[in-house]
Amino acid sequence: MAVSVAEYLGQRTDAEENIIPVAAKNGALCPFMDRECEKVSKSLQPVCSVRKTDGRIWIVCEHRLCSSVTTNKRKHKIGLVEHQQKMLLSIARFIYLNEELQPAQIGVKREVTIPLPEADHN
């Protein structure tokens, strides 16, 4: 399965703006966590999402949609950024088939284990 990088450190790769690669362990901030990107701190490339050859985008970073980090380095609570709030509202409206849902009606619980039934993948 061939893929290409769709987002690099929160920046779309199909935009007019050039991507400037970041050096390892340089303290580059993740736009979704409001703190240092964990991948950069581990000398990995800060890829947030990839695009399959059919155009579908797959999130490959656990912090891309809603960061699982709830406090920053100073122990201040981190809320969801505007993009995350809009995305969650859009998802909820799609799932519940209700375009009138409001942000106050959406709850967020971070890092919930989802039990999956046994499946035969042969």
N, C-alpha and C. Protein backbone atom coordinates (compact mmCIF):
# COMPACT_ATOMS: atom_id res chain seq x y z
N MET A 1 0.85 -1.17 0.00
CA MET A 1 0.00 0.00 0.00
C MET A 1 0.90 1.24 0.00
N ALA A 2 0.92 1.98 -1.06
CA ALA A 2 1.71 3.20 -1.17
C ALA A 2 0.95 4.36 -0.55
N VAL A 3 1.66 5.17 0.20
CA VAL A 3 1.07 6.36 0.81
C VAL A 3 2.03 7.53 0.63
N SER A 4 1.49 8.74 0.77
CA SER A 4 2.33 9.93 0.77
C SER A 4 1.96 10.74 2.01
N VAL A 5 2.85 11.59 2.43
CA VAL A 5 2.61 12.42 3.61
C VAL A 5 1.55 13.46 3.28
N ALA A 6 0.50 13.52 4.08
CA ALA A 6 -0.57 14.49 3.88
C ALA A 6 -0.42 15.69 4.81
N GLU A 7 0.14 15.44 5.99
CA GLU A 7 0.35 16.51 6.97
C GLU A 7 1.68 16.30 7.66
N TYR A 8 2.44 17.38 7.74
CA TYR A 8 3.75 17.35 8.38
C TYR A 8 3.74 18.40 9.47
N LEU A 9 3.82 17.99 10.71
CA LEU A 9 3.77 18.89 11.87
C LEU A 9 2.58 19.84 11.77
N GLY A 10 1.43 19.28 11.40
CA GLY A 10 0.19 20.05 11.33
C GLY A 10 -0.01 20.84 10.05
N GLN A 11 0.96 20.84 9.16
CA GLN A 11 0.85 21.61 7.92
C GLN A 11 0.51 20.68 6.76
N ARG A 12 -0.52 21.05 6.01
CA ARG A 12 -0.90 20.26 4.83
C ARG A 12 0.20 20.30 3.79
N THR A 13 0.46 19.16 3.19
CA THR A 13 1.51 19.10 2.17
C THR A 13 1.01 19.47 0.79
N ASP A 14 -0.31 19.58 0.62
CA ASP A 14 -0.86 19.95 -0.69
C ASP A 14 -1.18 21.43 -0.77
N ALA A 15 -0.73 22.20 0.21
CA ALA A 15 -0.95 23.65 0.21
C ALA A 15 0.17 24.35 -0.55
N GLU A 16 -0.05 25.61 -0.85
CA GLU A 16 0.95 26.40 -1.59
C GLU A 16 2.23 26.61 -0.78
N GLU A 17 2.10 26.66 0.53
CA GLU A 17 3.22 26.94 1.42
C GLU A 17 4.22 25.79 1.43
N ASN A 18 5.50 26.10 1.34
CA ASN A 18 6.53 25.06 1.37
C ASN A 18 6.69 24.50 2.77
N ILE A 19 6.92 23.20 2.86
CA ILE A 19 7.17 22.54 4.13
C ILE A 19 8.65 22.73 4.46
N ILE A 20 8.91 23.18 5.67
CA ILE A 20 10.29 23.32 6.12
C ILE A 20 10.55 22.20 7.13
N PRO A 21 11.39 21.23 6.76
CA PRO A 21 11.67 20.12 7.68
C PRO A 21 12.25 20.62 9.00
N VAL A 22 11.91 19.93 10.08
CA VAL A 22 12.42 20.32 11.39
C VAL A 22 13.52 19.35 11.80
N ALA A 23 14.47 19.87 12.55
CA ALA A 23 15.56 19.03 13.06
C ALA A 23 15.08 18.22 14.26
N ALA A 24 15.69 17.08 14.45
CA ALA A 24 15.33 16.23 15.59
C ALA A 24 15.61 16.95 16.90
N LYS A 25 14.76 16.71 17.86
CA LYS A 25 14.92 17.23 19.22
C LYS A 25 15.13 18.74 19.28
N ASN A 26 14.40 19.48 18.42
CA ASN A 26 14.56 20.93 18.42
C ASN A 26 13.45 21.64 19.17
N GLY A 27 12.54 20.89 19.79
CA GLY A 27 11.45 21.50 20.56
C GLY A 27 10.30 21.99 19.71
N ALA A 28 10.18 21.52 18.47
CA ALA A 28 9.09 21.95 17.59
C ALA A 28 7.74 21.65 18.25
N LEU A 29 6.85 22.64 18.22
CA LEU A 29 5.56 22.49 18.88
C LEU A 29 4.53 21.80 18.00
N CYS A 30 3.81 20.88 18.60
CA CYS A 30 2.69 20.22 17.94
C CYS A 30 1.49 21.16 18.02
N PRO A 31 0.87 21.48 16.89
CA PRO A 31 -0.28 22.40 16.92
C PRO A 31 -1.52 21.78 17.55
N PHE A 32 -1.52 20.48 17.79
CA PHE A 32 -2.69 19.81 18.35
C PHE A 32 -2.55 19.56 19.85
N MET A 33 -1.32 19.66 20.38
CA MET A 33 -1.10 19.42 21.81
C MET A 33 -0.71 20.68 22.57
N ASP A 34 -0.28 21.72 21.87
CA ASP A 34 0.22 22.92 22.52
C ASP A 34 1.44 22.60 23.38
N ARG A 35 2.27 21.70 22.89
CA ARG A 35 3.54 21.36 23.54
C ARG A 35 4.43 20.69 22.51
N GLU A 36 5.64 20.31 22.92
CA GLU A 36 6.60 19.72 21.99
C GLU A 36 6.05 18.45 21.34
N CYS A 37 6.27 18.34 20.04
CA CYS A 37 5.86 17.15 19.29
C CYS A 37 6.65 15.95 19.82
N GLU A 38 5.93 14.91 20.21
CA GLU A 38 6.59 13.73 20.76
C GLU A 38 7.45 13.02 19.72
N LYS A 39 7.03 13.05 18.46
CA LYS A 39 7.82 12.39 17.42
C LYS A 39 9.16 13.10 17.24
N VAL A 40 9.14 14.43 17.19
CA VAL A 40 10.37 15.20 17.03
C VAL A 40 11.30 14.95 18.21
N SER A 41 10.73 14.88 19.43
CA SER A 41 11.56 14.65 20.61
C SER A 41 12.22 13.27 20.59
N LYS A 42 11.66 12.34 19.80
CA LYS A 42 12.23 10.99 19.67
C LYS A 42 13.03 10.83 18.37
N SER A 43 13.35 11.94 17.73
CA SER A 43 14.10 11.96 16.46
C SER A 43 13.36 11.28 15.32
N LEU A 44 12.02 11.31 15.36
CA LEU A 44 11.19 10.77 14.29
C LEU A 44 10.61 11.91 13.46
N GLN A 45 10.14 11.61 12.28
CA GLN A 45 9.51 12.63 11.43
C GLN A 45 8.11 12.95 11.97
N PRO A 46 7.75 14.23 12.05
CA PRO A 46 6.45 14.63 12.60
C PRO A 46 5.31 14.53 11.58
N VAL A 47 5.02 13.31 11.16
CA VAL A 47 3.94 13.07 10.19
C VAL A 47 2.65 12.88 10.97
N CYS A 48 1.64 13.71 10.66
CA CYS A 48 0.34 13.65 11.35
C CYS A 48 -0.63 12.74 10.62
N SER A 49 -0.61 12.80 9.29
CA SER A 49 -1.52 11.97 8.49
C SER A 49 -0.87 11.65 7.15
N VAL A 50 -1.35 10.56 6.55
CA VAL A 50 -0.86 10.14 5.24
C VAL A 50 -2.03 10.02 4.27
N ARG A 51 -1.72 10.08 2.98
CA ARG A 51 -2.75 9.97 1.94
C ARG A 51 -2.49 8.71 1.12
N LYS A 52 -3.52 7.89 1.01
CA LYS A 52 -3.41 6.68 0.19
C LYS A 52 -3.51 7.08 -1.28
N THR A 53 -3.18 6.17 -2.18
CA THR A 53 -3.20 6.48 -3.61
C THR A 53 -4.61 6.81 -4.10
N ASP A 54 -5.65 6.35 -3.40
CA ASP A 54 -7.02 6.67 -3.80
C ASP A 54 -7.50 8.01 -3.23
N GLY A 55 -6.60 8.74 -2.53
CA GLY A 55 -6.93 10.05 -2.00
C GLY A 55 -7.41 10.07 -0.56
N ARG A 56 -7.72 8.90 0.00
CA ARG A 56 -8.19 8.86 1.38
C ARG A 56 -7.05 9.21 2.33
N ILE A 57 -7.41 9.97 3.37
CA ILE A 57 -6.41 10.39 4.36
C ILE A 57 -6.58 9.56 5.62
N TRP A 58 -5.45 9.11 6.15
CA TRP A 58 -5.43 8.32 7.37
C TRP A 58 -4.62 9.05 8.43
N ILE A 59 -5.20 9.22 9.60
CA ILE A 59 -4.48 9.83 10.71
C ILE A 59 -3.49 8.80 11.25
N VAL A 60 -2.23 9.20 11.41
CA VAL A 60 -1.22 8.28 11.92
C VAL A 60 -0.59 8.76 13.23
N CYS A 61 -1.09 9.83 13.77
CA CYS A 61 -0.59 10.34 15.05
C CYS A 61 -1.72 10.31 16.08
N GLU A 62 -1.41 9.78 17.25
CA GLU A 62 -2.45 9.67 18.28
C GLU A 62 -2.93 11.02 18.80
N HIS A 63 -2.21 12.08 18.51
CA HIS A 63 -2.60 13.40 18.99
C HIS A 63 -3.28 14.25 17.92
N ARG A 64 -3.46 13.71 16.72
CA ARG A 64 -3.97 14.50 15.59
C ARG A 64 -5.40 15.00 15.77
N LEU A 65 -6.31 14.14 16.14
CA LEU A 65 -7.70 14.57 16.26
C LEU A 65 -7.93 15.25 17.61
N CYS A 66 -7.66 14.55 18.66
CA CYS A 66 -7.76 15.09 20.02
C CYS A 66 -6.56 14.60 20.80
N SER A 67 -5.73 15.50 21.17
CA SER A 67 -4.55 15.11 21.92
C SER A 67 -4.94 14.37 23.18
N SER A 68 -4.20 13.32 23.49
CA SER A 68 -4.45 12.60 24.73
C SER A 68 -3.76 13.26 25.91
N VAL A 69 -2.99 14.31 25.63
CA VAL A 69 -2.32 15.05 26.69
C VAL A 69 -3.29 16.09 27.24
N THR A 70 -3.50 16.09 28.55
CA THR A 70 -4.48 17.00 29.13
C THR A 70 -3.86 18.18 29.86
N THR A 71 -2.53 18.15 30.10
CA THR A 71 -1.87 19.29 30.73
C THR A 71 -0.56 19.56 30.00
N ASN A 72 -0.15 20.83 30.02
CA ASN A 72 1.11 21.17 29.38
C ASN A 72 2.25 21.03 30.41
N LYS A 73 3.45 21.43 30.03
CA LYS A 73 4.60 21.26 30.92
C LYS A 73 4.44 22.02 32.24
N ARG A 74 3.68 23.09 32.23
CA ARG A 74 3.45 23.87 33.45
C ARG A 74 2.25 23.38 34.24
N LYS A 75 1.73 22.21 33.84
CA LYS A 75 0.59 21.57 34.50
C LYS A 75 -0.72 22.35 34.34
N HIS A 76 -0.78 23.22 33.32
CA HIS A 76 -2.03 23.92 33.01
C HIS A 76 -2.89 23.00 32.15
N LYS A 77 -4.19 23.00 32.41
CA LYS A 77 -5.10 22.17 31.62
C LYS A 77 -5.11 22.66 30.17
N ILE A 78 -5.12 21.71 29.25
CA ILE A 78 -5.17 22.04 27.82
C ILE A 78 -6.56 21.67 27.31
N GLY A 79 -7.24 22.64 26.76
CA GLY A 79 -8.54 22.38 26.14
C GLY A 79 -8.35 21.98 24.69
N LEU A 80 -9.43 21.68 24.03
CA LEU A 80 -9.35 21.35 22.61
C LEU A 80 -9.21 22.63 21.80
N VAL A 81 -8.40 22.60 20.75
CA VAL A 81 -8.28 23.77 19.88
C VAL A 81 -9.53 23.85 19.02
N GLU A 82 -9.75 24.99 18.40
CA GLU A 82 -10.96 25.23 17.61
C GLU A 82 -11.16 24.16 16.53
N HIS A 83 -10.08 23.78 15.85
CA HIS A 83 -10.18 22.76 14.81
C HIS A 83 -10.71 21.45 15.38
N GLN A 84 -10.21 21.04 16.54
CA GLN A 84 -10.65 19.79 17.16
C GLN A 84 -12.12 19.86 17.55
N GLN A 85 -12.54 21.00 18.09
CA GLN A 85 -13.94 21.18 18.47
C GLN A 85 -14.86 21.05 17.25
N LYS A 86 -14.47 21.70 16.16
CA LYS A 86 -15.28 21.64 14.94
C LYS A 86 -15.32 20.23 14.37
N MET A 87 -14.19 19.54 14.39
CA MET A 87 -14.11 18.18 13.87
C MET A 87 -14.99 17.24 14.68
N LEU A 88 -14.93 17.33 16.00
CA LEU A 88 -15.75 16.47 16.85
C LEU A 88 -17.23 16.74 16.66
N LEU A 89 -17.59 18.01 16.50
CA LEU A 89 -18.99 18.35 16.26
C LEU A 89 -19.46 17.76 14.93
N SER A 90 -18.62 17.87 13.92
CA SER A 90 -18.95 17.31 12.61
C SER A 90 -19.13 15.79 12.69
N ILE A 91 -18.24 15.12 13.40
CA ILE A 91 -18.33 13.67 13.56
C ILE A 91 -19.60 13.29 14.31
N ALA A 92 -19.90 14.00 15.40
CA ALA A 92 -21.11 13.71 16.18
C ALA A 92 -22.37 13.92 15.35
N ARG A 93 -22.40 15.00 14.58
CA ARG A 93 -23.58 15.25 13.73
C ARG A 93 -23.75 14.15 12.69
N PHE A 94 -22.64 13.63 12.18
CA PHE A 94 -22.70 12.54 11.20
C PHE A 94 -23.17 11.25 11.87
N ILE A 95 -22.57 10.91 12.99
CA ILE A 95 -22.92 9.66 13.68
C ILE A 95 -24.37 9.65 14.13
N TYR A 96 -24.83 10.76 14.70
CA TYR A 96 -26.18 10.81 15.26
C TYR A 96 -27.23 11.34 14.27
N LEU A 97 -26.79 11.60 13.02
CA LEU A 97 -27.71 12.09 11.98
C LEU A 97 -28.53 13.27 12.47
N ASN A 98 -27.84 14.22 13.11
CA ASN A 98 -28.51 15.37 13.69
C ASN A 98 -27.66 16.62 13.47
N GLU A 99 -28.01 17.40 12.47
CA GLU A 99 -27.26 18.62 12.15
C GLU A 99 -27.48 19.74 13.16
N GLU A 100 -28.39 19.54 14.09
CA GLU A 100 -28.70 20.59 15.07
C GLU A 100 -27.94 20.41 16.39
N LEU A 101 -27.12 19.36 16.49
CA LEU A 101 -26.31 19.19 17.70
C LEU A 101 -25.44 20.43 17.91
N GLN A 102 -25.26 20.83 19.16
CA GLN A 102 -24.45 21.99 19.50
C GLN A 102 -23.20 21.54 20.25
N PRO A 103 -22.14 22.35 20.22
CA PRO A 103 -20.89 21.97 20.90
C PRO A 103 -21.09 21.61 22.38
N ALA A 104 -21.98 22.28 23.06
CA ALA A 104 -22.21 22.00 24.48
C ALA A 104 -22.79 20.60 24.71
N GLN A 105 -23.31 19.99 23.67
CA GLN A 105 -23.90 18.66 23.78
C GLN A 105 -22.90 17.54 23.51
N ILE A 106 -21.67 17.90 23.20
CA ILE A 106 -20.64 16.92 22.86
C ILE A 106 -19.70 16.76 24.04
N GLY A 107 -19.51 15.53 24.49
CA GLY A 107 -18.57 15.24 25.58
C GLY A 107 -17.33 14.56 25.02
N VAL A 108 -16.22 14.77 25.68
CA VAL A 108 -14.97 14.17 25.25
C VAL A 108 -14.38 13.36 26.40
N LYS A 109 -14.07 12.13 26.13
CA LYS A 109 -13.36 11.29 27.10
C LYS A 109 -12.12 10.81 26.38
N ARG A 110 -10.99 11.08 26.94
CA ARG A 110 -9.73 10.77 26.26
C ARG A 110 -9.25 9.36 26.55
N GLU A 111 -8.66 8.74 25.54
CA GLU A 111 -8.05 7.43 25.62
C GLU A 111 -8.95 6.38 26.26
N VAL A 112 -10.03 6.11 25.61
CA VAL A 112 -10.97 5.08 26.06
C VAL A 112 -10.68 3.80 25.31
N THR A 113 -10.59 2.70 26.04
CA THR A 113 -10.39 1.41 25.39
C THR A 113 -11.70 0.97 24.76
N ILE A 114 -11.63 0.57 23.51
CA ILE A 114 -12.82 0.11 22.80
C ILE A 114 -12.70 -1.40 22.62
N PRO A 115 -13.55 -2.17 23.30
CA PRO A 115 -13.47 -3.62 23.13
C PRO A 115 -13.95 -4.02 21.73
N LEU A 116 -13.20 -4.88 21.08
CA LEU A 116 -13.56 -5.35 19.75
C LEU A 116 -13.89 -6.83 19.82
N PRO A 117 -14.93 -7.24 19.10
CA PRO A 117 -15.25 -8.67 19.09
C PRO A 117 -14.15 -9.45 18.37
N GLU A 118 -14.04 -10.70 18.72
CA GLU A 118 -13.07 -11.56 18.04
C GLU A 118 -13.43 -11.60 16.56
N ALA A 119 -12.44 -11.51 15.71
CA ALA A 119 -12.69 -11.54 14.27
C ALA A 119 -11.70 -12.48 13.60
N ASP A 120 -12.15 -13.13 12.57
CA ASP A 120 -11.28 -14.00 11.79
C ASP A 120 -10.77 -13.20 10.60
N HIS A 121 -9.50 -12.84 10.61
CA HIS A 121 -8.93 -12.02 9.54
C HIS A 121 -8.19 -12.85 8.50
N ASN A 122 -8.48 -14.13 8.43
CA ASN A 122 -7.81 -14.99 7.44
C ASN A 122 -8.45 -14.88 6.09
